[in-house]
Amino acid sequence: MREFIIDTPFKLKGKLEMVATLGEIEIATKILQDDAEMQVSRKLYMLLLLDFFNLYNMTYWTTSIGTT
């Protein structure tokens, strides 16, 4: 239990560095999660865009054939 007591400047510095590192890990994890979510969003956007163009082409060809 004695090892958990911060009783020297050296231990204090070590604990502060550990807390700073944990903060950096938290930020990195958040960035990676956001990036993963962004990739999912990009895939969904591309699928929606593809659906839109397919619908547009189908509508265009249907109306073009009907007018000729």
N, C-alpha and C. Protein backbone atom coordinates (compact mmCIF):
# COMPACT_ATOMS: atom_id res chain seq x y z
N MET A 1 0.81 -1.19 0.00
CA MET A 1 0.00 0.00 0.00
C MET A 1 0.86 1.25 0.00
N ARG A 2 2.03 1.14 0.52
CA ARG A 2 2.93 2.28 0.60
C ARG A 2 3.31 2.79 -0.79
N GLU A 3 3.30 1.92 -1.78
CA GLU A 3 3.70 2.34 -3.13
C GLU A 3 2.71 3.31 -3.77
N PHE A 4 1.48 3.37 -3.23
CA PHE A 4 0.47 4.26 -3.78
C PHE A 4 0.54 5.67 -3.20
N ILE A 5 1.35 5.85 -2.20
CA ILE A 5 1.50 7.17 -1.57
C ILE A 5 2.52 7.99 -2.36
N ILE A 6 2.12 9.19 -2.75
CA ILE A 6 3.02 10.09 -3.48
C ILE A 6 3.75 10.94 -2.45
N ASP A 7 4.98 10.54 -2.14
CA ASP A 7 5.71 11.22 -1.08
C ASP A 7 7.02 11.84 -1.54
N THR A 8 7.28 11.79 -2.85
CA THR A 8 8.50 12.41 -3.36
C THR A 8 8.16 13.18 -4.65
N PRO A 9 8.96 14.18 -4.96
CA PRO A 9 8.75 14.91 -6.23
C PRO A 9 8.87 13.96 -7.44
N PHE A 10 9.72 12.96 -7.34
CA PHE A 10 9.90 12.01 -8.44
C PHE A 10 8.61 11.22 -8.68
N LYS A 11 7.98 10.73 -7.60
CA LYS A 11 6.72 10.00 -7.74
C LYS A 11 5.62 10.92 -8.28
N LEU A 12 5.60 12.15 -7.80
CA LEU A 12 4.61 13.11 -8.28
C LEU A 12 4.76 13.35 -9.78
N LYS A 13 6.00 13.55 -10.19
CA LYS A 13 6.26 13.76 -11.62
C LYS A 13 5.82 12.55 -12.44
N GLY A 14 6.11 11.36 -11.94
CA GLY A 14 5.72 10.14 -12.64
C GLY A 14 4.21 10.02 -12.77
N LYS A 15 3.49 10.33 -11.68
CA LYS A 15 2.03 10.26 -11.71
C LYS A 15 1.44 11.31 -12.64
N LEU A 16 2.00 12.50 -12.65
CA LEU A 16 1.53 13.55 -13.55
C LEU A 16 1.76 13.17 -15.01
N GLU A 17 2.89 12.57 -15.29
CA GLU A 17 3.16 12.10 -16.66
C GLU A 17 2.19 10.99 -17.05
N MET A 18 1.86 10.13 -16.09
CA MET A 18 0.91 9.05 -16.37
C MET A 18 -0.47 9.63 -16.68
N VAL A 19 -0.89 10.63 -15.92
CA VAL A 19 -2.19 11.26 -16.17
C VAL A 19 -2.20 11.95 -17.53
N ALA A 20 -1.11 12.62 -17.87
CA ALA A 20 -1.01 13.28 -19.19
C ALA A 20 -1.08 12.26 -20.31
N THR A 21 -0.40 11.13 -20.12
CA THR A 21 -0.41 10.07 -21.13
C THR A 21 -1.81 9.49 -21.29
N LEU A 22 -2.50 9.28 -20.17
CA LEU A 22 -3.88 8.78 -20.24
C LEU A 22 -4.78 9.75 -21.00
N GLY A 23 -4.56 11.04 -20.81
CA GLY A 23 -5.33 12.04 -21.55
C GLY A 23 -5.06 11.96 -23.04
N GLU A 24 -3.80 11.76 -23.41
CA GLU A 24 -3.44 11.62 -24.82
C GLU A 24 -4.05 10.35 -25.41
N ILE A 25 -4.06 9.28 -24.64
CA ILE A 25 -4.68 8.02 -25.10
C ILE A 25 -6.17 8.22 -25.31
N GLU A 26 -6.81 8.94 -24.40
CA GLU A 26 -8.24 9.22 -24.52
C GLU A 26 -8.53 10.01 -25.79
N ILE A 27 -7.72 11.02 -26.06
CA ILE A 27 -7.89 11.83 -27.27
C ILE A 27 -7.68 10.98 -28.52
N ALA A 28 -6.63 10.16 -28.52
CA ALA A 28 -6.35 9.30 -29.68
C ALA A 28 -7.49 8.32 -29.92
N THR A 29 -8.03 7.76 -28.83
CA THR A 29 -9.15 6.83 -28.96
C THR A 29 -10.36 7.53 -29.55
N LYS A 30 -10.62 8.74 -29.09
CA LYS A 30 -11.76 9.51 -29.62
C LYS A 30 -11.58 9.81 -31.10
N ILE A 31 -10.38 10.16 -31.50
CA ILE A 31 -10.10 10.43 -32.92
C ILE A 31 -10.33 9.18 -33.75
N LEU A 32 -9.85 8.04 -33.25
CA LEU A 32 -10.03 6.78 -33.99
C LEU A 32 -11.50 6.40 -34.09
N GLN A 33 -12.26 6.61 -33.03
CA GLN A 33 -13.69 6.32 -33.06
C GLN A 33 -14.39 7.24 -34.05
N ASP A 34 -14.05 8.52 -34.02
CA ASP A 34 -14.65 9.47 -34.94
C ASP A 34 -14.31 9.11 -36.38
N ASP A 35 -13.06 8.66 -36.61
CA ASP A 35 -12.65 8.28 -37.96
C ASP A 35 -13.43 7.05 -38.42
N ALA A 36 -13.62 6.09 -37.53
CA ALA A 36 -14.40 4.90 -37.89
C ALA A 36 -15.84 5.29 -38.21
N GLU A 37 -16.42 6.18 -37.40
CA GLU A 37 -17.77 6.65 -37.66
C GLU A 37 -17.83 7.43 -38.97
N MET A 38 -16.80 8.20 -39.25
CA MET A 38 -16.76 8.98 -40.47
C MET A 38 -16.70 8.05 -41.69
N GLN A 39 -15.94 6.96 -41.59
CA GLN A 39 -15.87 6.02 -42.70
C GLN A 39 -17.23 5.38 -42.95
N VAL A 40 -17.95 5.05 -41.87
CA VAL A 40 -19.29 4.50 -42.03
C VAL A 40 -20.19 5.54 -42.68
N SER A 41 -20.07 6.79 -42.24
CA SER A 41 -20.88 7.86 -42.83
C SER A 41 -20.57 8.04 -44.31
N ARG A 42 -19.28 7.97 -44.67
CA ARG A 42 -18.90 8.10 -46.07
C ARG A 42 -19.49 6.96 -46.90
N LYS A 43 -19.46 5.74 -46.36
CA LYS A 43 -20.01 4.60 -47.09
C LYS A 43 -21.52 4.77 -47.28
N LEU A 44 -22.20 5.20 -46.23
CA LEU A 44 -23.64 5.42 -46.35
C LEU A 44 -23.95 6.53 -47.35
N TYR A 45 -23.15 7.60 -47.31
CA TYR A 45 -23.32 8.69 -48.27
C TYR A 45 -23.16 8.19 -49.70
N MET A 46 -22.13 7.39 -49.92
CA MET A 46 -21.88 6.88 -51.27
C MET A 46 -23.02 5.97 -51.72
N LEU A 47 -23.53 5.15 -50.81
CA LEU A 47 -24.66 4.29 -51.17
C LEU A 47 -25.89 5.12 -51.50
N LEU A 48 -26.15 6.15 -50.71
CA LEU A 48 -27.29 7.02 -51.00
C LEU A 48 -27.11 7.75 -52.32
N LEU A 49 -25.90 8.20 -52.57
CA LEU A 49 -25.61 8.88 -53.83
C LEU A 49 -25.81 7.94 -55.01
N LEU A 50 -25.35 6.71 -54.87
CA LEU A 50 -25.53 5.72 -55.92
C LEU A 50 -27.01 5.44 -56.14
N ASP A 51 -27.76 5.31 -55.06
CA ASP A 51 -29.21 5.11 -55.19
C ASP A 51 -29.87 6.28 -55.90
N PHE A 52 -29.44 7.49 -55.55
CA PHE A 52 -30.00 8.68 -56.18
C PHE A 52 -29.74 8.67 -57.68
N PHE A 53 -28.49 8.38 -58.07
CA PHE A 53 -28.17 8.37 -59.50
C PHE A 53 -28.89 7.25 -60.22
N ASN A 54 -29.03 6.10 -59.59
CA ASN A 54 -29.80 5.02 -60.21
C ASN A 54 -31.25 5.42 -60.40
N LEU A 55 -31.83 6.05 -59.39
CA LEU A 55 -33.20 6.52 -59.49
C LEU A 55 -33.33 7.58 -60.57
N TYR A 56 -32.36 8.51 -60.63
CA TYR A 56 -32.37 9.56 -61.64
C TYR A 56 -32.28 8.96 -63.04
N ASN A 57 -31.36 8.01 -63.22
CA ASN A 57 -31.21 7.38 -64.53
C ASN A 57 -32.46 6.61 -64.93
N MET A 58 -33.05 5.93 -63.97
CA MET A 58 -34.27 5.17 -64.26
C MET A 58 -35.38 6.12 -64.64
N THR A 59 -35.51 7.24 -63.92
CA THR A 59 -36.53 8.23 -64.23
C THR A 59 -36.26 8.87 -65.59
N TYR A 60 -34.99 9.18 -65.86
CA TYR A 60 -34.63 9.80 -67.13
C TYR A 60 -34.96 8.88 -68.30
N TRP A 61 -34.57 7.62 -68.18
CA TRP A 61 -34.79 6.69 -69.29
C TRP A 61 -36.27 6.38 -69.45
N THR A 62 -36.99 6.32 -68.36
CA THR A 62 -38.42 6.05 -68.44
C THR A 62 -39.15 7.22 -69.11
N THR A 63 -38.81 8.44 -68.73
CA THR A 63 -39.47 9.59 -69.32
C THR A 63 -38.98 9.83 -70.74
N SER A 64 -37.72 9.52 -71.03
CA SER A 64 -37.20 9.71 -72.40
C SER A 64 -37.84 8.73 -73.36
N ILE A 65 -38.03 7.52 -72.92
CA ILE A 65 -38.63 6.50 -73.79
C ILE A 65 -40.09 6.83 -74.02
N GLY A 66 -40.76 7.36 -73.01
CA GLY A 66 -42.17 7.70 -73.13
C GLY A 66 -42.41 8.88 -74.05
N THR A 67 -41.43 9.77 -74.26
CA THR A 67 -41.64 10.95 -75.07
C THR A 67 -41.24 10.75 -76.52
N THR A 68 -40.62 9.63 -76.83
CA THR A 68 -40.21 9.44 -78.23
C THR A 68 -41.20 8.70 -79.03
